[in-house]
Every structure is written in C-alpha cells, then in structure tokens.
Amino acid sequence: MFKSIATSALTLALTATPAFSQDSRSDEIARAQADKAQQLKPNVATGTEKTLAWLEGHFTDPSTVHTTFGGLYPSSGFAPGLAMRQAFGPARLNAGAAYSVRAYKSVYATLAFPALLDEKLDVQTHVRWIDATQVPFYGIGNETTKDDRVNYGLKGLDSGGSVALKPTRWFAIGGGLSFLQIEDRGGEGSDPSIDTIVDTGVPGIFTDTNYRDATAFARIDWRESPGYTRRGGLYSLTLHDMKDRDNPLSFRRVDAEVQQFLPLLNEHWVLAVRGLVQTTDVDDNDVVPYYRLPTLGGAKRHRGYADFRFQDRHMMLLSGEYRWLPSRVLDMALFVDAGKVTADRRDLDFNDLKTAYGIGFRIHGPTFTPLRFDIAHGKEGFRFHITGGVAY
C-alpha cells in the first residue's frame, strides 16, 4: 500500500510540474507586457520633422508671402527672392522677383485656374522677364572642351497661357501659346565674352528674336507628388512650333520624357529611372539659335557637368538612382547619369555617352523636397550641386 501511495504522489508531482511551469511563464509574459505598456510613449515628431511639416504647410498655403532661394535660371548661382500666393475663389495668383549673386534678375507672375469643371480643366497664364548676365557657352557639339567657355548675356520676356483637359487624375492633354522676345548680348564675369568668337559661325548670335511658341502636350502622371514620390511614373510628350517673325530662326522641337519609380521592401528602397530626349527640326535656310539649342549638364540635366556644358540640335539623357531611407525626412541615393548631344538625330544612340556617377542627400517632406545635395564624378572631375527640388 505504501508503494501504491508513493507511486500516486510521484505521478501527481510529474503531471503538476508542467502546468505550474506554464502558469509561471504566462504570469511572466503578462508582467512583461504590463511593464512595457507603462513605458510606451506616443510617436512624437522630431524637431526636423516639425520644421519640414511647417515648411510644407507654408509652401502649399494658397495665400501667403514667402522667400525663395533658387530657380531663377540655370547658372545664376544663389538667388534669393520674395514671392507671394493669393487665392481668389477658383483662381490662384503667384508673383515674385529674385536677384542672384551673379546679378541675374527675374520678375514673374502667373494666374491659374487649376480645378475648373470639377477638376477636369486646368487653365494657366504667365508672364516672366529675365536678365541673365553670364550664361556659359562652350561651343556646339559633344566634343567641346571646358576651356572653350565664353559667357553671354540674355534678356527675355515670355508671356502666354495653356489649357489642359484632365479626364482622370493621372492623364492630361492640351496645348498652349506663348510669345517670347529674346535679346542676346556680350557676357559678364571672369570668362571671356562671346564677342571674342563672333566670327566662328555661332548660329543666331546677336540677333533679336520674336517667337510665337505653339505647343501641344500629353502626359500620364501617376506619381504621388511632383515634389517627392516613392512610386508611380511620368510619361510626357510635348511638341513646340517656334516661329520667329523677323529672322530665319524658326524651328520645331519635340520633348519626350519617361520617369519610373519602383518601391522595394515597404518603400525602404526605391529604384528610380529617367529617360529624356529633345530633338529639333528646321525648314530649309532656317537654323536653331545657339541659346535655344537642347542642352546637357547641370543639377537636372546631367550632374557630372556644368550647366549648358554641351549643346546641339538633339539631346539624350539617361539617369538611374538607387535610393534608400535612413530616416523619415532624409533620402540618400547612388546615381548614374549618361547622355550626349548630336547634330544628327540618327546619332542618338548609346555610343560616346558622357557618364558620371555620384551620391546624393535629400531633405524632404511628404510632397516636397526643399534641399538636395548631389556629388558627381565624371571625366571633368567632381561636380557639387546644392539646390532645391527633386532630381527628377
């Protein structure tokens, strides 16, 4: 009997131990969860995030006065300015002026009706005056050297408007009409003026032009925002018919652009690619003036080279970026830019491309990019670009 009691006690102990251990483990987990719950804090925005949120609200406010720091004209350098926006019912008025460290000047105004007919019709009007004092010119062609640089001055008045029909949020088709008065002159700055090469056959040099620019365009745009996106794409085609009423400088130009953004692993990485082609066409005895030729180079047109580094009748640019997100307000990117200019359209191929590689840093909000810093290296050394807005 004693043996039977001992056996029963042992059996009870063996069967009770796992249950006791399980209860203890459950209690431990419950206590840990309770402790963690007491330590949880709300997701509070950092100082940088608060600043970007304020900037985004400020720069998207339809009625405000704000400062600007760039975008005057390629090669203008740092260009502080003052601008204002005002909403009048369906109308949006924008106006501003800027002056750069290189004495470039600009004054502009736009009046837009972006959401007519239940956001199916977008009407835009604009007027802009610009005075650029030292625009670089390196000659025409894909094999010019940076030592060939000269500067020229350019004054222009551009006024006109456009109408876009938007049957859906992501598709638009329309056209526009603008009038441009352009005057080129000798340049300022430390580099020689274009006057020194006036006898070398530069097309349209020192010839004032009065253009009527008739445009037609179609685009598919399903990016999250033109100012910052991690997914979507842009496919755009624009036709320009530039008629000069006084000189044999009329031409036609086609701009075709593709952008694609592919998010990876919950948008922690993004592959971004871009292709841009500009091609011109003229009638007999007409030429494209040198200051209206397609160009390659600069923060948006090939980061491995200076603004306006290459110019010719036709241009092609290919760009790729591998972007990653170290924080909610900072993107970094490894990128490659490759492109060329040609005198003949059939030479727009993958031979003799000007290629550069680099790394970029971008401070951004949900829909805009106030600061971008890119470092690129190509055959002419390192190029540094500090600007606002997206690379593409």
Protein backbone atom coordinates (compact mmCIF):
# COMPACT_ATOMS: atom_id res chain seq x y z
CA MET A 1 0.00 0.00 0.00
CA PHE A 2 2.82 2.35 0.86
CA LYS A 3 4.27 1.65 -2.56
CA SER A 4 0.92 2.49 -4.18
CA ILE A 5 0.67 5.83 -2.31
CA ALA A 6 4.23 6.76 -3.26
CA THR A 7 3.57 5.97 -6.91
CA SER A 8 0.43 8.10 -6.94
CA ALA A 9 2.24 11.05 -5.32
CA LEU A 10 5.05 10.85 -7.83
CA THR A 11 2.60 10.75 -10.71
CA LEU A 12 0.77 13.80 -9.37
CA ALA A 13 4.01 15.72 -8.97
CA LEU A 14 5.12 14.91 -12.52
CA THR A 15 1.81 15.95 -14.03
CA ALA A 16 1.55 19.14 -11.98
CA THR A 17 5.03 20.46 -12.76
CA PRO A 18 4.37 21.36 -16.45
CA ALA A 19 1.14 23.11 -15.52
CA PHE A 20 2.87 25.05 -12.79
CA SER A 21 5.69 26.00 -15.17
CA GLN A 22 3.18 27.04 -17.83
CA ASP A 23 1.31 29.20 -15.33
CA SER A 24 4.57 30.80 -14.20
CA ARG A 25 5.56 31.53 -17.81
CA SER A 26 2.17 33.07 -18.55
CA ASP A 27 2.46 35.25 -15.48
CA GLU A 28 5.95 36.35 -16.53
CA ILE A 29 4.76 37.29 -20.03
CA ALA A 30 1.80 39.17 -18.60
CA ARG A 31 4.05 41.11 -16.23
CA ALA A 32 6.47 41.95 -19.06
CA GLN A 33 3.63 43.19 -21.25
CA ALA A 34 2.27 45.31 -18.40
CA ASP A 35 5.71 46.83 -17.78
CA LYS A 36 6.13 47.55 -21.50
CA ALA A 37 2.70 49.15 -21.69
CA GLN A 38 3.65 51.50 -18.88
CA GLN A 39 6.81 52.54 -20.76
CA LEU A 40 5.11 53.16 -24.13
CA LYS A 41 5.12 56.77 -25.35
CA PRO A 42 3.29 58.39 -28.26
CA ASN A 43 5.18 58.78 -31.56
CA VAL A 44 6.35 62.38 -31.19
CA ALA A 45 7.68 64.19 -34.25
CA THR A 46 11.32 65.31 -34.11
CA GLY A 47 12.33 68.94 -34.45
CA THR A 48 13.34 68.36 -38.08
CA GLU A 49 10.01 66.73 -38.87
CA LYS A 50 8.13 69.61 -37.25
CA THR A 51 10.16 72.12 -39.27
CA LEU A 52 9.50 70.27 -42.53
CA ALA A 53 5.79 70.00 -41.72
CA TRP A 54 5.69 73.77 -41.14
CA LEU A 55 7.59 74.45 -44.37
CA GLU A 56 5.33 72.16 -46.35
CA GLY A 57 2.24 73.88 -44.99
CA HIS A 58 3.82 77.27 -45.66
CA PHE A 59 4.83 76.50 -49.23
CA THR A 60 1.50 74.87 -50.11
CA ASP A 61 -0.66 77.52 -48.44
CA PRO A 62 -2.66 79.12 -51.28
CA SER A 63 -2.39 82.58 -49.66
CA THR A 64 0.99 83.51 -48.24
CA VAL A 65 4.18 85.55 -48.70
CA HIS A 66 7.44 83.58 -48.71
CA THR A 67 11.10 83.75 -49.58
CA THR A 68 12.78 81.86 -52.43
CA PHE A 69 16.41 80.81 -52.82
CA GLY A 70 16.82 79.39 -56.31
CA GLY A 71 15.19 78.51 -59.60
CA LEU A 72 15.91 81.87 -61.23
CA TYR A 73 17.82 80.47 -64.24
CA PRO A 74 20.45 77.74 -64.71
CA SER A 75 23.95 79.11 -63.96
CA SER A 76 22.51 82.03 -61.90
CA GLY A 77 24.02 80.82 -58.61
CA PHE A 78 22.41 81.56 -55.26
CA ALA A 79 19.31 83.64 -55.98
CA PRO A 80 17.29 84.90 -53.00
CA GLY A 81 13.89 86.37 -53.75
CA LEU A 82 10.47 87.23 -52.43
CA ALA A 83 7.21 85.72 -53.70
CA MET A 84 3.52 85.68 -52.85
CA ARG A 85 0.49 83.49 -53.48
CA GLN A 86 -3.13 84.51 -53.24
CA ALA A 87 -6.32 82.52 -53.75
CA PHE A 88 -9.40 84.19 -55.27
CA GLY A 89 -12.13 81.59 -55.43
CA PRO A 90 -11.05 79.19 -58.21
CA ALA A 91 -8.11 81.44 -59.19
CA ARG A 92 -4.55 81.21 -57.89
CA LEU A 93 -2.20 84.17 -58.30
CA ASN A 94 1.57 83.74 -57.94
CA ALA A 95 4.08 86.55 -58.27
CA GLY A 96 7.68 87.10 -57.30
CA ALA A 97 11.10 88.53 -58.01
CA ALA A 98 14.67 87.35 -57.44
CA TYR A 99 18.23 88.64 -57.75
CA SER A 100 21.24 86.33 -57.82
CA VAL A 101 24.84 86.66 -56.68
CA ARG A 102 25.81 86.85 -60.37
CA ALA A 103 23.42 89.77 -60.99
CA TYR A 104 20.77 87.66 -62.72
CA LYS A 105 17.32 89.21 -62.30
CA SER A 106 13.82 87.83 -62.72
CA VAL A 107 10.24 89.03 -62.23
CA TYR A 108 7.26 86.78 -62.86
CA ALA A 109 3.53 86.36 -62.32
CA THR A 110 1.11 83.52 -63.03
CA LEU A 111 -2.69 83.37 -62.84
CA ALA A 112 -4.06 79.84 -62.78
CA PHE A 113 -7.45 78.15 -62.61
CA PRO A 114 -6.32 74.60 -61.75
CA ALA A 115 -9.62 72.94 -60.82
CA LEU A 116 -12.32 74.09 -63.23
CA LEU A 117 -15.17 71.78 -64.31
CA ASP A 118 -14.85 69.61 -61.20
CA GLU A 119 -11.03 69.46 -61.57
CA LYS A 120 -11.27 68.34 -65.21
CA LEU A 121 -9.88 71.58 -66.70
CA ASP A 122 -6.66 73.43 -65.83
CA VAL A 123 -6.08 76.92 -67.28
CA GLN A 124 -2.71 78.65 -66.75
CA THR A 125 -1.44 82.10 -67.77
CA HIS A 126 2.03 83.52 -67.19
CA VAL A 127 4.39 86.42 -67.78
CA ARG A 128 8.11 86.38 -66.95
CA TRP A 129 11.01 88.76 -67.52
CA ILE A 130 14.59 87.62 -67.03
CA ASP A 131 18.01 89.22 -67.36
CA ALA A 132 20.91 86.73 -67.27
CA THR A 133 24.37 88.26 -67.27
CA GLN A 134 26.89 85.41 -67.71
CA VAL A 135 25.34 82.34 -69.29
CA PRO A 136 28.06 79.83 -70.26
CA PHE A 137 28.61 78.72 -73.84
CA TYR A 138 31.22 76.07 -74.70
CA GLY A 139 30.54 75.70 -78.40
CA ILE A 140 28.31 73.27 -80.24
CA GLY A 141 28.76 69.51 -80.21
CA ASN A 142 29.56 66.57 -77.98
CA GLU A 143 33.35 67.02 -78.01
CA THR A 144 33.83 70.61 -76.86
CA THR A 145 36.25 71.28 -74.01
CA LYS A 146 35.61 73.23 -70.84
CA ASP A 147 38.49 75.56 -71.74
CA ASP A 148 36.38 76.85 -74.65
CA ARG A 149 33.93 78.56 -72.30
CA VAL A 150 32.72 82.06 -73.02
CA ASN A 151 29.84 83.98 -71.42
CA TYR A 152 26.89 85.73 -72.99
CA GLY A 153 24.04 87.84 -71.67
CA LEU A 154 20.39 87.08 -72.32
CA LYS A 155 17.24 89.14 -71.79
CA GLY A 156 13.85 87.60 -72.35
CA LEU A 157 10.15 88.35 -71.93
CA ASP A 158 7.82 85.34 -72.03
CA SER A 159 4.03 85.70 -71.84
CA GLY A 160 1.24 83.30 -72.68
CA GLY A 161 -1.00 80.55 -71.41
CA SER A 162 -2.06 76.93 -71.65
CA VAL A 163 -5.17 74.76 -71.29
CA ALA A 164 -5.11 71.15 -70.08
CA LEU A 165 -8.04 68.74 -70.15
CA LYS A 166 -7.84 66.14 -67.36
CA PRO A 167 -10.42 63.37 -67.85
CA THR A 168 -8.76 61.48 -64.98
CA ARG A 169 -6.39 62.45 -62.16
CA TRP A 170 -3.41 60.89 -63.92
CA PHE A 171 -3.95 61.88 -67.57
CA ALA A 172 -3.82 65.33 -69.19
CA ILE A 173 -3.86 66.56 -72.77
CA GLY A 174 -3.78 70.12 -74.01
CA GLY A 175 -1.90 72.95 -75.64
CA GLY A 176 -0.61 76.45 -75.20
CA LEU A 177 0.51 79.63 -76.90
CA SER A 178 3.35 81.89 -75.76
CA PHE A 179 5.19 84.91 -77.13
CA LEU A 180 8.91 85.29 -76.44
CA GLN A 181 11.10 88.33 -77.05
CA ILE A 182 14.77 87.37 -76.68
CA GLU A 183 17.87 89.53 -76.89
CA ASP A 184 21.41 88.15 -76.54
CA ARG A 185 24.50 90.25 -75.90
CA GLY A 186 28.06 90.07 -74.65
CA GLY A 187 28.59 88.39 -71.31
CA GLU A 188 29.97 89.48 -67.96
CA GLY A 189 32.03 87.54 -65.41
CA SER A 190 35.59 86.28 -65.30
CA ASP A 191 35.38 84.21 -68.51
CA PRO A 192 35.74 85.80 -71.96
CA SER A 193 32.65 87.30 -73.56
CA ILE A 194 31.05 85.63 -76.56
CA ASP A 195 32.07 88.71 -78.56
CA THR A 196 35.50 87.10 -78.90
CA ILE A 197 34.15 84.25 -81.05
CA VAL A 198 31.55 86.20 -83.03
CA ASP A 199 33.27 85.26 -86.31
CA THR A 200 33.14 81.50 -85.75
CA GLY A 201 29.66 80.93 -87.15
CA VAL A 202 27.61 80.69 -83.95
CA PRO A 203 24.01 80.39 -85.22
CA GLY A 204 21.76 83.34 -84.42
CA ILE A 205 24.35 85.32 -82.47
CA PHE A 206 23.35 88.94 -81.70
CA THR A 207 20.01 88.58 -83.48
CA ASP A 208 16.95 89.64 -81.50
CA THR A 209 14.11 87.16 -81.89
CA ASN A 210 10.33 87.39 -81.51
CA TYR A 211 8.94 83.89 -81.20
CA ARG A 212 5.43 82.57 -81.24
CA ASP A 213 5.61 79.22 -79.42
CA ALA A 214 2.61 76.99 -80.10
CA THR A 215 2.65 73.80 -78.02
CA ALA A 216 0.69 70.57 -77.76
CA PHE A 217 1.24 68.03 -75.00
CA ALA A 218 0.01 64.80 -73.46
CA ARG A 219 1.13 63.22 -70.21
CA ILE A 220 0.40 60.34 -67.90
CA ASP A 221 1.44 61.20 -64.34
CA TRP A 222 0.73 58.78 -61.51
CA ARG A 223 3.47 59.91 -59.14
CA GLU A 224 2.45 60.58 -55.55
CA SER A 225 3.57 64.19 -55.98
CA PRO A 226 5.83 66.05 -58.46
CA GLY A 227 7.80 67.34 -55.45
CA TYR A 228 8.51 63.94 -53.86
CA THR A 229 7.46 60.40 -54.70
CA ARG A 230 8.45 56.81 -53.97
CA ARG A 231 6.20 55.11 -56.52
CA GLY A 232 4.46 55.74 -59.81
CA GLY A 233 5.68 57.23 -63.06
CA LEU A 234 5.57 60.08 -65.56
CA TYR A 235 5.29 59.70 -69.34
CA SER A 236 5.25 63.02 -71.18
CA LEU A 237 5.36 64.22 -74.80
CA THR A 238 5.44 67.91 -75.78
CA LEU A 239 5.61 69.45 -79.27
CA HIS A 240 6.86 73.03 -79.80
CA ASP A 241 6.45 75.05 -83.01
CA MET A 242 8.73 78.09 -82.63
CA LYS A 243 8.08 80.72 -85.30
CA ASP A 244 10.31 83.80 -85.47
CA ARG A 245 8.53 86.52 -87.41
CA ASP A 246 11.64 88.56 -88.25
CA ASN A 247 14.54 86.14 -88.84
CA PRO A 248 15.28 82.71 -90.37
CA LEU A 249 15.47 81.20 -86.86
CA SER A 250 12.23 79.20 -86.74
CA PHE A 251 12.32 75.58 -85.62
CA ARG A 252 10.28 72.76 -84.14
CA ARG A 253 11.21 70.79 -81.02
CA VAL A 254 9.96 67.53 -79.51
CA ASP A 255 10.44 66.80 -75.79
CA ALA A 256 9.86 63.20 -74.67
CA GLU A 257 10.36 62.08 -71.07
CA VAL A 258 9.83 58.88 -69.08
CA GLN A 259 10.22 58.54 -65.31
CA GLN A 260 9.57 55.37 -63.31
CA PHE A 261 9.77 54.75 -59.55
CA LEU A 262 9.76 51.19 -58.20
CA PRO A 263 9.48 50.79 -54.39
CA LEU A 264 11.14 47.81 -52.68
CA LEU A 265 10.55 46.28 -49.20
CA ASN A 266 7.79 48.58 -47.96
CA GLU A 267 9.34 51.58 -49.73
CA HIS A 268 12.55 51.44 -47.68
CA TRP A 269 14.39 51.31 -51.02
CA VAL A 270 13.39 52.81 -54.36
CA LEU A 271 14.72 52.26 -57.87
CA ALA A 272 14.22 55.41 -59.97
CA VAL A 273 14.97 55.71 -63.69
CA ARG A 274 14.60 58.55 -66.17
CA GLY A 275 14.94 58.99 -69.91
CA LEU A 276 14.78 62.39 -71.65
CA VAL A 277 15.11 63.20 -75.34
CA GLN A 278 14.93 66.61 -77.02
CA THR A 279 15.13 66.82 -80.78
CA THR A 280 14.77 69.78 -83.17
CA ASP A 281 13.83 70.19 -86.80
CA VAL A 282 14.11 73.18 -89.18
CA ASP A 283 12.93 74.11 -92.65
CA ASP A 284 15.37 74.98 -95.43
CA ASN A 285 17.51 78.06 -94.69
CA ASP A 286 16.42 78.16 -91.03
CA VAL A 287 18.68 77.44 -88.05
CA VAL A 288 18.21 76.99 -84.31
CA PRO A 289 19.86 79.91 -82.45
CA TYR A 290 22.59 78.84 -80.08
CA TYR A 291 20.71 79.99 -76.96
CA ARG A 292 17.69 77.76 -77.85
CA LEU A 293 19.59 74.55 -78.59
CA PRO A 294 18.92 71.49 -76.39
CA THR A 295 21.49 71.39 -73.59
CA LEU A 296 23.13 68.77 -71.37
CA GLY A 297 24.60 69.49 -67.94
CA GLY A 298 23.58 70.81 -64.53
CA ALA A 299 21.64 69.69 -61.46
CA LYS A 300 18.69 68.46 -63.58
CA ARG A 301 20.38 67.72 -66.92
CA HIS A 302 23.47 65.63 -66.03
CA ARG A 303 25.08 66.14 -62.65
CA GLY A 304 28.56 65.27 -63.86
CA TYR A 305 28.88 68.52 -65.84
CA ALA A 306 28.23 72.24 -65.51
CA ASP A 307 25.09 74.00 -66.74
CA PHE A 308 24.90 74.24 -70.55
CA ARG A 309 28.09 72.17 -70.86
CA PHE A 310 27.02 70.51 -74.15
CA GLN A 311 24.64 71.91 -76.78
CA ASP A 312 23.46 70.74 -80.18
CA ARG A 313 20.37 70.06 -82.27
CA HIS A 314 19.48 66.83 -80.43
CA MET A 315 19.99 65.65 -76.84
CA MET A 316 19.53 62.42 -74.89
CA LEU A 317 19.83 61.86 -71.12
CA LEU A 318 19.55 58.61 -69.14
CA SER A 319 19.59 58.55 -65.33
CA GLY A 320 19.24 55.86 -62.69
CA GLU A 321 19.12 56.09 -58.89
CA TYR A 322 19.14 53.56 -56.06
CA ARG A 323 17.52 55.38 -53.14
CA TRP A 324 17.25 54.34 -49.51
CA LEU A 325 15.65 55.99 -46.48
CA PRO A 326 17.83 56.28 -43.36
CA SER A 327 15.08 58.38 -41.70
CA ARG A 328 11.61 59.73 -42.40
CA VAL A 329 12.97 63.08 -43.63
CA LEU A 330 16.22 62.04 -45.33
CA ASP A 331 16.77 60.08 -48.53
CA MET A 332 20.16 59.02 -49.86
CA ALA A 333 20.89 57.86 -53.39
CA LEU A 334 23.58 56.31 -55.52
CA PHE A 335 23.12 57.53 -59.09
CA VAL A 336 24.45 57.40 -62.62
CA ASP A 337 23.82 59.98 -65.38
CA ALA A 338 24.70 59.34 -69.03
CA GLY A 339 23.92 61.41 -72.09
CA LYS A 340 25.04 63.06 -75.30
CA VAL A 341 24.21 65.78 -77.82
CA THR A 342 24.35 65.28 -81.58
CA ALA A 343 23.96 67.26 -84.81
CA ASP A 344 22.10 64.37 -86.47
CA ARG A 345 19.07 62.69 -84.95
CA ARG A 346 20.17 59.23 -86.06
CA ASP A 347 23.24 59.54 -83.82
CA LEU A 348 21.10 59.45 -80.67
CA ASP A 349 22.43 56.04 -79.67
CA PHE A 350 24.43 54.55 -76.79
CA ASN A 351 27.87 55.31 -78.25
CA ASP A 352 30.14 58.02 -76.82
CA LEU A 353 27.91 58.78 -73.84
CA LYS A 354 29.11 61.29 -71.25
CA THR A 355 28.82 59.32 -67.99
CA ALA A 356 29.13 60.29 -64.32
CA TYR A 357 28.48 58.54 -61.00
CA GLY A 358 27.63 60.02 -57.65
CA ILE A 359 25.85 60.08 -54.32
CA GLY A 360 23.03 62.35 -53.20
CA PHE A 361 21.33 63.52 -49.99
CA ARG A 362 17.76 64.88 -49.98
CA ILE A 363 15.82 66.54 -47.16
CA HIS A 364 12.12 66.11 -47.90
CA GLY A 365 8.56 66.23 -46.62
CA PRO A 366 5.64 64.10 -47.83
CA THR A 367 5.15 66.14 -51.02
CA PHE A 368 8.17 68.43 -51.49
CA THR A 369 11.98 68.49 -51.40
CA PRO A 370 13.36 71.79 -50.08
CA LEU A 371 17.04 70.77 -50.17
CA ARG A 372 19.08 68.44 -52.36
CA PHE A 373 22.86 67.88 -52.30
CA ASP A 374 24.49 65.79 -55.06
CA ILE A 375 28.17 64.93 -55.63
CA ALA A 376 29.04 63.53 -59.07
CA HIS A 377 32.28 62.49 -60.75
CA GLY A 378 32.82 62.38 -64.48
CA LYS A 379 35.64 62.92 -66.95
CA GLU A 380 35.95 66.56 -65.94
CA GLY A 381 36.29 65.85 -62.23
CA PHE A 382 33.88 66.34 -59.35
CA ARG A 383 30.74 68.45 -59.53
CA PHE A 384 28.81 69.60 -56.45
CA HIS A 385 25.17 70.64 -56.67
CA ILE A 386 23.22 72.24 -53.82
CA THR A 387 19.67 73.04 -54.86
CA GLY A 388 16.01 72.54 -54.06
CA GLY A 389 13.56 70.23 -55.75
CA VAL A 390 13.86 66.66 -56.94
CA ALA A 391 16.50 65.43 -59.38
CA TYR A 392 13.55 64.02 -61.35
